[in-house]
Amino acid sequence: METESPSPNQSNAMDETLWLHLAQDENLASPKAAQPGQPCPRCHQGIMDYDGLLNLVCPVCHYVEGGGCT
């Protein structure tokens, strides 16, 4: 017995519904911009500091924010 795959329109609707559901989840919201010497925007426990590659890194949850000027 063959199963029918969803039509492109059905697949798009499912993707959009999933995206909207995930976007509303507070746990998946993107954290605010990290600042050196300030608490981590993700875990709020570690203090953000630069590593050797000029990334801001949290020593507790290992959140990394790149974009250092070289």
C-alpha atoms as a PDB file:
ATOM      1  CA  MET A   1       0.000   0.000   0.000  1.00  0.00           C
ATOM      2  CA  GLU A   2       1.457   3.368  -1.027  1.00  0.00           C
ATOM      3  CA  THR A   3       1.347   6.404   1.214  1.00  0.00           C
ATOM      4  CA  GLU A   4       0.714   9.797  -0.251  1.00  0.00           C
ATOM      5  CA  SER A   5       3.226  12.512   0.416  1.00  0.00           C
ATOM      6  CA  PRO A   6       1.819  15.914   1.324  1.00  0.00           C
ATOM      7  CA  SER A   7       1.340  18.349  -1.496  1.00  0.00           C
ATOM      8  CA  PRO A   8       3.749  21.301  -1.592  1.00  0.00           C
ATOM      9  CA  ASN A   9       1.013  23.581  -0.230  1.00  0.00           C
ATOM     10  CA  GLN A  10       0.290  21.229   2.695  1.00  0.00           C
ATOM     11  CA  SER A  11       4.002  20.906   3.469  1.00  0.00           C
ATOM     12  CA  ASN A  12       4.427  24.705   3.467  1.00  0.00           C
ATOM     13  CA  ALA A  13       1.465  25.126   5.806  1.00  0.00           C
ATOM     14  CA  MET A  14       2.927  22.556   8.206  1.00  0.00           C
ATOM     15  CA  ASP A  15       6.329  24.292   8.129  1.00  0.00           C
ATOM     16  CA  GLU A  16       4.761  27.693   8.829  1.00  0.00           C
ATOM     17  CA  THR A  17       2.660  26.278  11.679  1.00  0.00           C
ATOM     18  CA  LEU A  18       5.718  24.647  13.248  1.00  0.00           C
ATOM     19  CA  TRP A  19       7.756  27.833  12.883  1.00  0.00           C
ATOM     20  CA  LEU A  20       5.037  29.958  14.488  1.00  0.00           C
ATOM     21  CA  HIS A  21       4.744  27.490  17.360  1.00  0.00           C
ATOM     22  CA  LEU A  22       8.497  27.475  17.967  1.00  0.00           C
ATOM     23  CA  ALA A  23       8.767  31.248  17.680  1.00  0.00           C
ATOM     24  CA  GLN A  24       6.207  31.651  20.477  1.00  0.00           C
ATOM     25  CA  ASP A  25       8.155  29.393  22.848  1.00  0.00           C
ATOM     26  CA  GLU A  26       9.889  31.674  25.359  1.00  0.00           C
ATOM     27  CA  ASN A  27      12.704  29.163  25.940  1.00  0.00           C
ATOM     28  CA  LEU A  28      13.764  29.407  22.296  1.00  0.00           C
ATOM     29  CA  ALA A  29      13.738  33.178  22.090  1.00  0.00           C
ATOM     30  CA  SER A  30      17.115  34.539  21.139  1.00  0.00           C
ATOM     31  CA  PRO A  31      18.996  36.102  24.031  1.00  0.00           C
ATOM     32  CA  LYS A  32      19.856  39.795  24.135  1.00  0.00           C
ATOM     33  CA  ALA A  33      23.282  40.917  22.950  1.00  0.00           C
ATOM     34  CA  ALA A  34      26.073  39.877  25.295  1.00  0.00           C
ATOM     35  CA  GLN A  35      28.283  42.505  26.894  1.00  0.00           C
ATOM     36  CA  PRO A  36      31.766  41.861  28.334  1.00  0.00           C
ATOM     37  CA  GLY A  37      31.767  41.823  32.137  1.00  0.00           C
ATOM     38  CA  GLN A  38      27.963  41.469  32.270  1.00  0.00           C
ATOM     39  CA  PRO A  39      25.886  38.389  33.184  1.00  0.00           C
ATOM     40  CA  CYS A  40      25.259  35.874  30.401  1.00  0.00           C
ATOM     41  CA  PRO A  41      22.082  36.711  28.453  1.00  0.00           C
ATOM     42  CA  ARG A  42      21.172  32.999  28.334  1.00  0.00           C
ATOM     43  CA  CYS A  43      21.831  31.529  31.814  1.00  0.00           C
ATOM     44  CA  HIS A  44      22.263  34.794  33.808  1.00  0.00           C
ATOM     45  CA  GLN A  45      24.888  33.056  35.985  1.00  0.00           C
ATOM     46  CA  GLY A  46      28.220  33.362  34.169  1.00  0.00           C
ATOM     47  CA  ILE A  47      30.035  36.619  33.467  1.00  0.00           C
ATOM     48  CA  MET A  48      30.751  37.148  29.780  1.00  0.00           C
ATOM     49  CA  ASP A  49      34.432  37.423  28.849  1.00  0.00           C
ATOM     50  CA  TYR A  50      36.454  37.364  25.627  1.00  0.00           C
ATOM     51  CA  ASP A  51      38.313  34.213  24.576  1.00  0.00           C
ATOM     52  CA  GLY A  52      41.452  34.085  22.409  1.00  0.00           C
ATOM     53  CA  LEU A  53      39.378  34.465  19.231  1.00  0.00           C
ATOM     54  CA  LEU A  54      37.579  37.615  20.459  1.00  0.00           C
ATOM     55  CA  ASN A  55      34.302  35.766  21.030  1.00  0.00           C
ATOM     56  CA  LEU A  56      32.281  36.607  24.112  1.00  0.00           C
ATOM     57  CA  VAL A  57      31.938  33.341  26.048  1.00  0.00           C
ATOM     58  CA  CYS A  58      29.982  32.328  29.145  1.00  0.00           C
ATOM     59  CA  PRO A  59      32.066  30.038  31.386  1.00  0.00           C
ATOM     60  CA  VAL A  60      28.910  28.443  32.871  1.00  0.00           C
ATOM     61  CA  CYS A  61      26.670  27.487  29.888  1.00  0.00           C
ATOM     62  CA  HIS A  62      29.311  28.029  27.150  1.00  0.00           C
ATOM     63  CA  TYR A  63      27.121  30.445  25.210  1.00  0.00           C
ATOM     64  CA  VAL A  64      29.270  32.085  22.524  1.00  0.00           C
ATOM     65  CA  GLU A  65      28.660  35.347  20.724  1.00  0.00           C
ATOM     66  CA  GLY A  66      31.079  36.156  17.932  1.00  0.00           C
ATOM     67  CA  GLY A  67      31.684  39.306  15.995  1.00  0.00           C
ATOM     68  CA  GLY A  68      34.712  40.828  17.661  1.00  0.00           C
ATOM     69  CA  CYS A  69      36.444  43.539  15.678  1.00  0.00           C
ATOM     70  CA  THR A  70      39.929  42.616  14.495  1.00  0.00           C
END
